[in-house]
Amino acid sequence: MKTAELRDTSDEGLRILLKEAKEAVFKLRIQSRMERLDSPSELKKSKKMIARVYTLMNERERERGKQNQ
């Protein structure tokens, strides 16, 4: 999912995506310890998704803070 698509997602949708990405990283990390990963790039992609979601959530929080002042 691209950043432009994430911007159109609601706050609740971002939280759900964040939870799913964290679970994916957890599972991939365990899989990498137990056996060889089929596609190591999936771990990197999941981490990037987490960073994108956190960035968007922080941007929205800052915007709300500016509106309240």
PDB file of N, CA and C in Angstrom:
ATOM      1  N   MET A   1       0.846  -1.170   0.000  1.00  0.00           N
ATOM      2  CA  MET A   1       0.000   0.000   0.000  1.00  0.00           C
ATOM      3  C   MET A   1       0.894   1.237   0.000  1.00  0.00           C
ATOM      4  N   LYS A   2       0.572   2.165  -0.866  1.00  0.00           N
ATOM      5  CA  LYS A   2       1.369   3.379  -0.985  1.00  0.00           C
ATOM      6  C   LYS A   2       0.929   4.424   0.033  1.00  0.00           C
ATOM      7  N   THR A   3       1.779   5.396   0.239  1.00  0.00           N
ATOM      8  CA  THR A   3       1.503   6.447   1.217  1.00  0.00           C
ATOM      9  C   THR A   3       0.252   7.231   0.848  1.00  0.00           C
ATOM     10  N   ALA A   4       0.039   7.483  -0.429  1.00  0.00           N
ATOM     11  CA  ALA A   4      -1.153   8.220  -0.864  1.00  0.00           C
ATOM     12  C   ALA A   4      -2.421   7.458  -0.480  1.00  0.00           C
ATOM     13  N   GLU A   5      -2.381   6.149  -0.607  1.00  0.00           N
ATOM     14  CA  GLU A   5      -3.539   5.343  -0.218  1.00  0.00           C
ATOM     15  C   GLU A   5      -3.724   5.346   1.299  1.00  0.00           C
ATOM     16  N   LEU A   6      -2.618   5.363   2.033  1.00  0.00           N
ATOM     17  CA  LEU A   6      -2.692   5.389   3.490  1.00  0.00           C
ATOM     18  C   LEU A   6      -3.291   6.700   3.989  1.00  0.00           C
ATOM     19  N   ARG A   7      -3.007   7.802   3.291  1.00  0.00           N
ATOM     20  CA  ARG A   7      -3.541   9.103   3.710  1.00  0.00           C
ATOM     21  C   ARG A   7      -5.072   9.126   3.657  1.00  0.00           C
ATOM     22  N   ASP A   8      -5.658   8.344   2.759  1.00  0.00           N
ATOM     23  CA  ASP A   8      -7.110   8.289   2.643  1.00  0.00           C
ATOM     24  C   ASP A   8      -7.745   7.360   3.674  1.00  0.00           C
ATOM     25  N   THR A   9      -6.924   6.618   4.399  1.00  0.00           N
ATOM     26  CA  THR A   9      -7.420   5.666   5.382  1.00  0.00           C
ATOM     27  C   THR A   9      -7.776   6.389   6.680  1.00  0.00           C
ATOM     28  N   SER A  10      -8.813   5.918   7.341  1.00  0.00           N
ATOM     29  CA  SER A  10      -9.236   6.524   8.605  1.00  0.00           C
ATOM     30  C   SER A  10      -8.241   6.194   9.713  1.00  0.00           C
ATOM     31  N   ASP A  11      -8.395   6.877  10.856  1.00  0.00           N
ATOM     32  CA  ASP A  11      -7.527   6.614  12.004  1.00  0.00           C
ATOM     33  C   ASP A  11      -7.657   5.170  12.465  1.00  0.00           C
ATOM     34  N   GLU A  12      -8.876   4.674  12.503  1.00  0.00           N
ATOM     35  CA  GLU A  12      -9.109   3.293  12.928  1.00  0.00           C
ATOM     36  C   GLU A  12      -8.467   2.316  11.932  1.00  0.00           C
ATOM     37  N   GLY A  13      -8.556   2.625  10.657  1.00  0.00           N
ATOM     38  CA  GLY A  13      -7.937   1.789   9.638  1.00  0.00           C
ATOM     39  C   GLY A  13      -6.421   1.749   9.785  1.00  0.00           C
ATOM     40  N   LEU A  14      -5.834   2.895  10.138  1.00  0.00           N
ATOM     41  CA  LEU A  14      -4.388   2.938  10.357  1.00  0.00           C
ATOM     42  C   LEU A  14      -3.991   2.087  11.557  1.00  0.00           C
ATOM     43  N   ARG A  15      -4.797   2.139  12.605  1.00  0.00           N
ATOM     44  CA  ARG A  15      -4.503   1.315  13.783  1.00  0.00           C
ATOM     45  C   ARG A  15      -4.551  -0.170  13.440  1.00  0.00           C
ATOM     46  N   ILE A  16      -5.521  -0.548  12.622  1.00  0.00           N
ATOM     47  CA  ILE A  16      -5.649  -1.949  12.215  1.00  0.00           C
ATOM     48  C   ILE A  16      -4.445  -2.358  11.361  1.00  0.00           C
ATOM     49  N   LEU A  17      -4.059  -1.501  10.412  1.00  0.00           N
ATOM     50  CA  LEU A  17      -2.889  -1.787   9.582  1.00  0.00           C
ATOM     51  C   LEU A  17      -1.624  -1.905  10.431  1.00  0.00           C
ATOM     52  N   LEU A  18      -1.498  -1.041  11.425  1.00  0.00           N
ATOM     53  CA  LEU A  18      -0.341  -1.078  12.306  1.00  0.00           C
ATOM     54  C   LEU A  18      -0.283  -2.396  13.063  1.00  0.00           C
ATOM     55  N   LYS A  19      -1.411  -2.810  13.583  1.00  0.00           N
ATOM     56  CA  LYS A  19      -1.474  -4.067  14.328  1.00  0.00           C
ATOM     57  C   LYS A  19      -1.107  -5.250  13.428  1.00  0.00           C
ATOM     58  N   GLU A  20      -1.641  -5.269  12.219  1.00  0.00           N
ATOM     59  CA  GLU A  20      -1.349  -6.354  11.282  1.00  0.00           C
ATOM     60  C   GLU A  20       0.125  -6.373  10.898  1.00  0.00           C
ATOM     61  N   ALA A  21       0.709  -5.207  10.680  1.00  0.00           N
ATOM     62  CA  ALA A  21       2.118  -5.132  10.299  1.00  0.00           C
ATOM     63  C   ALA A  21       3.017  -5.584  11.447  1.00  0.00           C
ATOM     64  N   LYS A  22       2.664  -5.211  12.673  1.00  0.00           N
ATOM     65  CA  LYS A  22       3.449  -5.643  13.829  1.00  0.00           C
ATOM     66  C   LYS A  22       3.376  -7.159  13.992  1.00  0.00           C
ATOM     67  N   GLU A  23       2.191  -7.733  13.786  1.00  0.00           N
ATOM     68  CA  GLU A  23       2.049  -9.182  13.863  1.00  0.00           C
ATOM     69  C   GLU A  23       2.870  -9.864  12.770  1.00  0.00           C
ATOM     70  N   ALA A  24       2.888  -9.280  11.583  1.00  0.00           N
ATOM     71  CA  ALA A  24       3.660  -9.848  10.476  1.00  0.00           C
ATOM     72  C   ALA A  24       5.151  -9.829  10.796  1.00  0.00           C
ATOM     73  N   VAL A  25       5.632  -8.725  11.349  1.00  0.00           N
ATOM     74  CA  VAL A  25       7.051  -8.635  11.716  1.00  0.00           C
ATOM     75  C   VAL A  25       7.377  -9.672  12.779  1.00  0.00           C
ATOM     76  N   PHE A  26       6.512  -9.826  13.748  1.00  0.00           N
ATOM     77  CA  PHE A  26       6.726 -10.809  14.815  1.00  0.00           C
ATOM     78  C   PHE A  26       6.826 -12.221  14.235  1.00  0.00           C
ATOM     79  N   LYS A  27       5.883 -12.569  13.374  1.00  0.00           N
ATOM     80  CA  LYS A  27       5.882 -13.910  12.775  1.00  0.00           C
ATOM     81  C   LYS A  27       7.097 -14.133  11.889  1.00  0.00           C
ATOM     82  N   LEU A  28       7.452 -13.121  11.104  1.00  0.00           N
ATOM     83  CA  LEU A  28       8.616 -13.246  10.227  1.00  0.00           C
ATOM     84  C   LEU A  28       9.908 -13.350  11.021  1.00  0.00           C
ATOM     85  N   ARG A  29       9.975 -12.623  12.119  1.00  0.00           N
ATOM     86  CA  ARG A  29      11.173 -12.688  12.959  1.00  0.00           C
ATOM     87  C   ARG A  29      11.329 -14.076  13.573  1.00  0.00           C
ATOM     88  N   ILE A  30      10.225 -14.639  14.040  1.00  0.00           N
ATOM     89  CA  ILE A  30      10.265 -15.998  14.586  1.00  0.00           C
ATOM     90  C   ILE A  30      10.649 -16.989  13.495  1.00  0.00           C
ATOM     91  N   GLN A  31      10.054 -16.814  12.325  1.00  0.00           N
ATOM     92  CA  GLN A  31      10.351 -17.706  11.208  1.00  0.00           C
ATOM     93  C   GLN A  31      11.830 -17.617  10.819  1.00  0.00           C
ATOM     94  N   SER A  32      12.395 -16.429  10.875  1.00  0.00           N
ATOM     95  CA  SER A  32      13.800 -16.273  10.504  1.00  0.00           C
ATOM     96  C   SER A  32      14.718 -16.954  11.514  1.00  0.00           C
ATOM     97  N   ARG A  33      14.300 -17.030  12.758  1.00  0.00           N
ATOM     98  CA  ARG A  33      15.100 -17.694  13.791  1.00  0.00           C
ATOM     99  C   ARG A  33      14.995 -19.217  13.679  1.00  0.00           C
ATOM    100  N   MET A  34      13.805 -19.699  13.353  1.00  0.00           N
ATOM    101  CA  MET A  34      13.562 -21.136  13.310  1.00  0.00           C
ATOM    102  C   MET A  34      14.038 -21.769  12.002  1.00  0.00           C
ATOM    103  N   GLU A  35      13.795 -21.078  10.931  1.00  0.00           N
ATOM    104  CA  GLU A  35      14.131 -21.612   9.618  1.00  0.00           C
ATOM    105  C   GLU A  35      14.445 -20.464   8.683  1.00  0.00           C
ATOM    106  N   ARG A  36      14.825 -20.787   7.500  1.00  0.00           N
ATOM    107  CA  ARG A  36      15.162 -19.755   6.532  1.00  0.00           C
ATOM    108  C   ARG A  36      13.886 -19.136   5.967  1.00  0.00           C
ATOM    109  N   LEU A  37      13.889 -17.816   5.843  1.00  0.00           N
ATOM    110  CA  LEU A  37      12.737 -17.110   5.282  1.00  0.00           C
ATOM    111  C   LEU A  37      12.643 -17.356   3.782  1.00  0.00           C
ATOM    112  N   ASP A  38      11.422 -17.498   3.295  1.00  0.00           N
ATOM    113  CA  ASP A  38      11.217 -17.642   1.861  1.00  0.00           C
ATOM    114  C   ASP A  38      11.560 -16.351   1.135  1.00  0.00           C
ATOM    115  N   SER A  39      11.136 -15.239   1.712  1.00  0.00           N
ATOM    116  CA  SER A  39      11.445 -13.941   1.110  1.00  0.00           C
ATOM    117  C   SER A  39      11.829 -12.950   2.218  1.00  0.00           C
ATOM    118  N   PRO A  40      13.114 -12.782   2.437  1.00  0.00           N
ATOM    119  CA  PRO A  40      13.580 -11.873   3.486  1.00  0.00           C
ATOM    120  C   PRO A  40      13.115 -10.438   3.286  1.00  0.00           C
ATOM    121  N   SER A  41      12.776 -10.071   2.069  1.00  0.00           N
ATOM    122  CA  SER A  41      12.334  -8.699   1.822  1.00  0.00           C
ATOM    123  C   SER A  41      10.987  -8.405   2.481  1.00  0.00           C
ATOM    124  N   GLU A  42      10.213  -9.427   2.797  1.00  0.00           N
ATOM    125  CA  GLU A  42       8.921  -9.216   3.462  1.00  0.00           C
ATOM    126  C   GLU A  42       9.098  -8.577   4.834  1.00  0.00           C
ATOM    127  N   LEU A  43      10.147  -8.943   5.534  1.00  0.00           N
ATOM    128  CA  LEU A  43      10.417  -8.355   6.844  1.00  0.00           C
ATOM    129  C   LEU A  43      10.692  -6.857   6.691  1.00  0.00           C
ATOM    130  N   LYS A  44      11.497  -6.505   5.711  1.00  0.00           N
ATOM    131  CA  LYS A  44      11.812  -5.100   5.462  1.00  0.00           C
ATOM    132  C   LYS A  44      10.559  -4.328   5.053  1.00  0.00           C
ATOM    133  N   LYS A  45       9.715  -4.923   4.209  1.00  0.00           N
ATOM    134  CA  LYS A  45       8.487  -4.265   3.767  1.00  0.00           C
ATOM    135  C   LYS A  45       7.538  -4.018   4.944  1.00  0.00           C
ATOM    136  N   SER A  46       7.442  -4.986   5.846  1.00  0.00           N
ATOM    137  CA  SER A  46       6.563  -4.824   7.005  1.00  0.00           C
ATOM    138  C   SER A  46       7.067  -3.722   7.926  1.00  0.00           C
ATOM    139  N   LYS A  47       8.374  -3.655   8.107  1.00  0.00           N
ATOM    140  CA  LYS A  47       8.938  -2.595   8.950  1.00  0.00           C
ATOM    141  C   LYS A  47       8.698  -1.222   8.338  1.00  0.00           C
ATOM    142  N   LYS A  48       8.810  -1.122   7.022  1.00  0.00           N
ATOM    143  CA  LYS A  48       8.553   0.149   6.352  1.00  0.00           C
ATOM    144  C   LYS A  48       7.094   0.553   6.485  1.00  0.00           C
ATOM    145  N   MET A  49       6.193  -0.433   6.424  1.00  0.00           N
ATOM    146  CA  MET A  49       4.768  -0.149   6.588  1.00  0.00           C
ATOM    147  C   MET A  49       4.503   0.412   7.983  1.00  0.00           C
ATOM    148  N   ILE A  50       5.134  -0.174   8.998  1.00  0.00           N
ATOM    149  CA  ILE A  50       4.978   0.323  10.367  1.00  0.00           C
ATOM    150  C   ILE A  50       5.454   1.769  10.452  1.00  0.00           C
ATOM    151  N   ALA A  51       6.588   2.068   9.855  1.00  0.00           N
ATOM    152  CA  ALA A  51       7.128   3.433   9.889  1.00  0.00           C
ATOM    153  C   ALA A  51       6.195   4.407   9.186  1.00  0.00           C
ATOM    154  N   ARG A  52       5.634   4.005   8.043  1.00  0.00           N
ATOM    155  CA  ARG A  52       4.701   4.880   7.310  1.00  0.00           C
ATOM    156  C   ARG A  52       3.460   5.177   8.143  1.00  0.00           C
ATOM    157  N   VAL A  53       2.921   4.142   8.767  1.00  0.00           N
ATOM    158  CA  VAL A  53       1.702   4.321   9.556  1.00  0.00           C
ATOM    159  C   VAL A  53       1.979   5.236  10.750  1.00  0.00           C
ATOM    160  N   TYR A  54       3.087   5.003  11.452  1.00  0.00           N
ATOM    161  CA  TYR A  54       3.433   5.868  12.580  1.00  0.00           C
ATOM    162  C   TYR A  54       3.624   7.320  12.127  1.00  0.00           C
ATOM    163  N   THR A  55       4.252   7.510  10.984  1.00  0.00           N
ATOM    164  CA  THR A  55       4.464   8.855  10.461  1.00  0.00           C
ATOM    165  C   THR A  55       3.140   9.555  10.198  1.00  0.00           C
ATOM    166  N   LEU A  56       2.218   8.856   9.550  1.00  0.00           N
ATOM    167  CA  LEU A  56       0.912   9.455   9.270  1.00  0.00           C
ATOM    168  C   LEU A  56       0.136   9.738  10.549  1.00  0.00           C
ATOM    169  N   MET A  57       0.210   8.826  11.504  1.00  0.00           N
ATOM    170  CA  MET A  57      -0.491   9.043  12.770  1.00  0.00           C
ATOM    171  C   MET A  57       0.073  10.266  13.493  1.00  0.00           C
ATOM    172  N   ASN A  58       1.407  10.427  13.469  1.00  0.00           N
ATOM    173  CA  ASN A  58       2.029  11.594  14.108  1.00  0.00           C
ATOM    174  C   ASN A  58       1.659  12.883  13.389  1.00  0.00           C
ATOM    175  N   GLU A  59       1.609  12.850  12.056  1.00  0.00           N
ATOM    176  CA  GLU A  59       1.209  14.038  11.298  1.00  0.00           C
ATOM    177  C   GLU A  59      -0.208  14.459  11.663  1.00  0.00           C
ATOM    178  N   ARG A  60      -1.098  13.496  11.735  1.00  0.00           N
ATOM    179  CA  ARG A  60      -2.493  13.803  12.081  1.00  0.00           C
ATOM    180  C   ARG A  60      -2.598  14.338  13.499  1.00  0.00           C
ATOM    181  N   GLU A  61      -1.816  13.796  14.409  1.00  0.00           N
ATOM    182  CA  GLU A  61      -1.841  14.262  15.792  1.00  0.00           C
ATOM    183  C   GLU A  61      -1.341  15.701  15.882  1.00  0.00           C
ATOM    184  N   ARG A  62      -0.290  16.035  15.131  1.00  0.00           N
ATOM    185  CA  ARG A  62       0.212  17.406  15.120  1.00  0.00           C
ATOM    186  C   ARG A  62      -0.815  18.368  14.545  1.00  0.00           C
ATOM    187  N   GLU A  63      -1.522  17.938  13.494  1.00  0.00           N
ATOM    188  CA  GLU A  63      -2.563  18.784  12.900  1.00  0.00           C
ATOM    189  C   GLU A  63      -3.684  19.053  13.891  1.00  0.00           C
ATOM    190  N   ARG A  64      -4.054  18.026  14.644  1.00  0.00           N
ATOM    191  CA  ARG A  64      -5.102  18.209  15.665  1.00  0.00           C
ATOM    192  C   ARG A  64      -4.638  19.164  16.750  1.00  0.00           C
ATOM    193  N   GLY A  65      -3.366  19.082  17.110  1.00  0.00           N
ATOM    194  CA  GLY A  65      -2.808  19.979  18.128  1.00  0.00           C
ATOM    195  C   GLY A  65      -2.813  21.423  17.669  1.00  0.00           C
ATOM    196  N   LYS A  66      -2.528  21.641  16.410  1.00  0.00           N
ATOM    197  CA  LYS A  66      -2.530  23.003  15.869  1.00  0.00           C
ATOM    198  C   LYS A  66      -3.945  23.559  15.817  1.00  0.00           C
ATOM    199  N   GLN A  67      -4.918  22.718  15.514  1.00  0.00           N
ATOM    200  CA  GLN A  67      -6.307  23.170  15.434  1.00  0.00           C
ATOM    201  C   GLN A  67      -6.855  23.529  16.810  1.00  0.00           C
ATOM    202  N   ASN A  68      -6.382  22.846  17.849  1.00  0.00           N
ATOM    203  CA  ASN A  68      -6.874  23.090  19.201  1.00  0.00           C
ATOM    204  C   ASN A  68      -6.290  24.363  19.801  1.00  0.00           C
ATOM    205  N   GLN A  69      -5.215  24.870  19.240  1.00  0.00           N
ATOM    206  CA  GLN A  69      -4.592  26.068  19.815  1.00  0.00           C
ATOM    207  C   GLN A  69      -5.228  27.325  19.311  1.00  0.00           C
TER     208      GLN A  69
END
